[in-house]
Amino acid sequence: MPMVMRRLRDPDINPCLPESDASIRCMNENNYDKERCSIYFLKYKNCRRFWHSVMIQRRRNGVNPPMPTAAERDEILGAMGKMPY
């Protein structure tokens, strides 16, 4: 598998991997009809927006790495009590 693909499939790097997989699965099941999968695209977009804002805030605070690891993200979401996206 090429390095770029490995990075995209790495849960520590890509926080929205489940949302991405769900949107691709929807497209495959619905013969690539984008209108039928719009809810999945919206969830992915909101996920990316949320984690991007977290990453920006961590950079401002000087926290490394800027993107939380998968374990840290689970703790963040658990502390919130519900999915923010």
C-alpha atoms as a PDB file:
ATOM      1  CA  MET A   1       0.000   0.000   0.000  1.00  0.00           C
ATOM      2  CA  PRO A   2       1.448   3.430  -0.892  1.00  0.00           C
ATOM      3  CA  MET A   3       2.602   5.663   1.958  1.00  0.00           C
ATOM      4  CA  VAL A   4      -0.137   8.223   1.299  1.00  0.00           C
ATOM      5  CA  MET A   5      -2.832   5.573   1.600  1.00  0.00           C
ATOM      6  CA  ARG A   6      -1.315   4.204   4.802  1.00  0.00           C
ATOM      7  CA  ARG A   7      -1.388   7.693   6.312  1.00  0.00           C
ATOM      8  CA  LEU A   8      -5.020   8.216   5.307  1.00  0.00           C
ATOM      9  CA  ARG A   9      -6.017   4.856   6.807  1.00  0.00           C
ATOM     10  CA  ASP A  10      -4.131   5.472  10.068  1.00  0.00           C
ATOM     11  CA  PRO A  11      -6.641   6.205  12.868  1.00  0.00           C
ATOM     12  CA  ASP A  12      -4.032   8.294  14.736  1.00  0.00           C
ATOM     13  CA  ILE A  13      -3.720  10.652  11.755  1.00  0.00           C
ATOM     14  CA  ASN A  14      -7.237  10.657  10.299  1.00  0.00           C
ATOM     15  CA  PRO A  15      -9.826  11.373  13.009  1.00  0.00           C
ATOM     16  CA  CYS A  16     -12.770  10.970  10.624  1.00  0.00           C
ATOM     17  CA  LEU A  17     -11.979   7.528   9.264  1.00  0.00           C
ATOM     18  CA  PRO A  18     -15.362   5.978  10.239  1.00  0.00           C
ATOM     19  CA  GLU A  19     -17.269   8.861   8.633  1.00  0.00           C
ATOM     20  CA  SER A  20     -15.145   8.598   5.504  1.00  0.00           C
ATOM     21  CA  ASP A  21     -15.700   4.852   5.269  1.00  0.00           C
ATOM     22  CA  ALA A  22     -19.453   5.303   5.780  1.00  0.00           C
ATOM     23  CA  SER A  23     -19.714   7.834   2.966  1.00  0.00           C
ATOM     24  CA  ILE A  24     -17.750   5.602   0.584  1.00  0.00           C
ATOM     25  CA  ARG A  25     -19.891   2.602   1.547  1.00  0.00           C
ATOM     26  CA  CYS A  26     -23.050   4.622   0.909  1.00  0.00           C
ATOM     27  CA  MET A  27     -21.806   5.685  -2.502  1.00  0.00           C
ATOM     28  CA  ASN A  28     -21.033   2.071  -3.417  1.00  0.00           C
ATOM     29  CA  GLU A  29     -24.432   0.834  -2.229  1.00  0.00           C
ATOM     30  CA  ASN A  30     -26.385   3.591  -4.001  1.00  0.00           C
ATOM     31  CA  ASN A  31     -24.674   3.440  -7.387  1.00  0.00           C
ATOM     32  CA  TYR A  32     -22.794   6.699  -6.736  1.00  0.00           C
ATOM     33  CA  ASP A  33     -25.935   8.809  -6.309  1.00  0.00           C
ATOM     34  CA  LYS A  34     -24.586  11.738  -4.266  1.00  0.00           C
ATOM     35  CA  GLU A  35     -28.013  12.982  -3.216  1.00  0.00           C
ATOM     36  CA  ARG A  36     -28.771   9.748  -1.371  1.00  0.00           C
ATOM     37  CA  CYS A  37     -25.536  10.015   0.592  1.00  0.00           C
ATOM     38  CA  SER A  38     -25.673  13.700   1.496  1.00  0.00           C
ATOM     39  CA  ILE A  39     -26.195  12.953   5.212  1.00  0.00           C
ATOM     40  CA  TYR A  40     -22.937  10.983   5.275  1.00  0.00           C
ATOM     41  CA  PHE A  41     -21.092  13.792   3.504  1.00  0.00           C
ATOM     42  CA  LEU A  42     -22.453  16.273   6.033  1.00  0.00           C
ATOM     43  CA  LYS A  43     -21.325  14.098   8.961  1.00  0.00           C
ATOM     44  CA  TYR A  44     -17.840  13.826   7.448  1.00  0.00           C
ATOM     45  CA  LYS A  45     -17.669  17.574   6.843  1.00  0.00           C
ATOM     46  CA  ASN A  46     -18.751  18.338  10.417  1.00  0.00           C
ATOM     47  CA  CYS A  47     -16.235  15.821  11.767  1.00  0.00           C
ATOM     48  CA  ARG A  48     -13.394  17.418   9.809  1.00  0.00           C
ATOM     49  CA  ARG A  49     -14.483  20.895  10.921  1.00  0.00           C
ATOM     50  CA  PHE A  50     -14.606  19.858  14.600  1.00  0.00           C
ATOM     51  CA  TRP A  51     -11.205  18.127  14.664  1.00  0.00           C
ATOM     52  CA  HIS A  52      -9.619  20.921  12.639  1.00  0.00           C
ATOM     53  CA  SER A  53     -10.749  23.439  15.268  1.00  0.00           C
ATOM     54  CA  VAL A  54      -9.301  21.180  18.000  1.00  0.00           C
ATOM     55  CA  MET A  55      -6.028  20.972  16.073  1.00  0.00           C
ATOM     56  CA  ILE A  56      -5.852  24.763  15.654  1.00  0.00           C
ATOM     57  CA  GLN A  57      -6.508  25.287  19.370  1.00  0.00           C
ATOM     58  CA  ARG A  58      -3.799  22.781  20.331  1.00  0.00           C
ATOM     59  CA  ARG A  59      -1.307  24.536  18.040  1.00  0.00           C
ATOM     60  CA  ARG A  60      -2.132  27.869  19.651  1.00  0.00           C
ATOM     61  CA  ASN A  61      -1.562  26.331  23.076  1.00  0.00           C
ATOM     62  CA  GLY A  62       1.739  24.772  21.975  1.00  0.00           C
ATOM     63  CA  VAL A  63       0.574  21.173  22.429  1.00  0.00           C
ATOM     64  CA  ASN A  64       2.366  18.512  20.362  1.00  0.00           C
ATOM     65  CA  PRO A  65       1.223  16.691  18.336  1.00  0.00           C
ATOM     66  CA  PRO A  66      -1.409  19.137  17.101  1.00  0.00           C
ATOM     67  CA  MET A  67      -3.852  16.343  16.220  1.00  0.00           C
ATOM     68  CA  PRO A  68      -4.774  14.222  19.245  1.00  0.00           C
ATOM     69  CA  THR A  69      -4.082  10.500  18.976  1.00  0.00           C
ATOM     70  CA  ALA A  70      -6.992   8.068  18.658  1.00  0.00           C
ATOM     71  CA  ALA A  71      -6.915   7.355  22.415  1.00  0.00           C
ATOM     72  CA  GLU A  72      -6.931  11.074  23.258  1.00  0.00           C
ATOM     73  CA  ARG A  73      -9.816  11.665  20.849  1.00  0.00           C
ATOM     74  CA  ASP A  74     -11.838   8.931  22.580  1.00  0.00           C
ATOM     75  CA  GLU A  75     -11.221  10.662  25.924  1.00  0.00           C
ATOM     76  CA  ILE A  76     -12.232  14.046  24.486  1.00  0.00           C
ATOM     77  CA  LEU A  77     -15.460  12.642  23.037  1.00  0.00           C
ATOM     78  CA  GLY A  78     -16.166  10.727  26.264  1.00  0.00           C
ATOM     79  CA  ALA A  79     -15.770  13.894  28.327  1.00  0.00           C
ATOM     80  CA  MET A  80     -18.244  15.700  26.047  1.00  0.00           C
ATOM     81  CA  GLY A  81     -20.857  13.007  26.626  1.00  0.00           C
ATOM     82  CA  LYS A  82     -22.161  13.140  23.059  1.00  0.00           C
ATOM     83  CA  MET A  83     -20.857  13.437  19.536  1.00  0.00           C
ATOM     84  CA  PRO A  84     -20.308  17.111  18.707  1.00  0.00           C
ATOM     85  CA  TYR A  85     -20.843  16.431  15.011  1.00  0.00           C
END
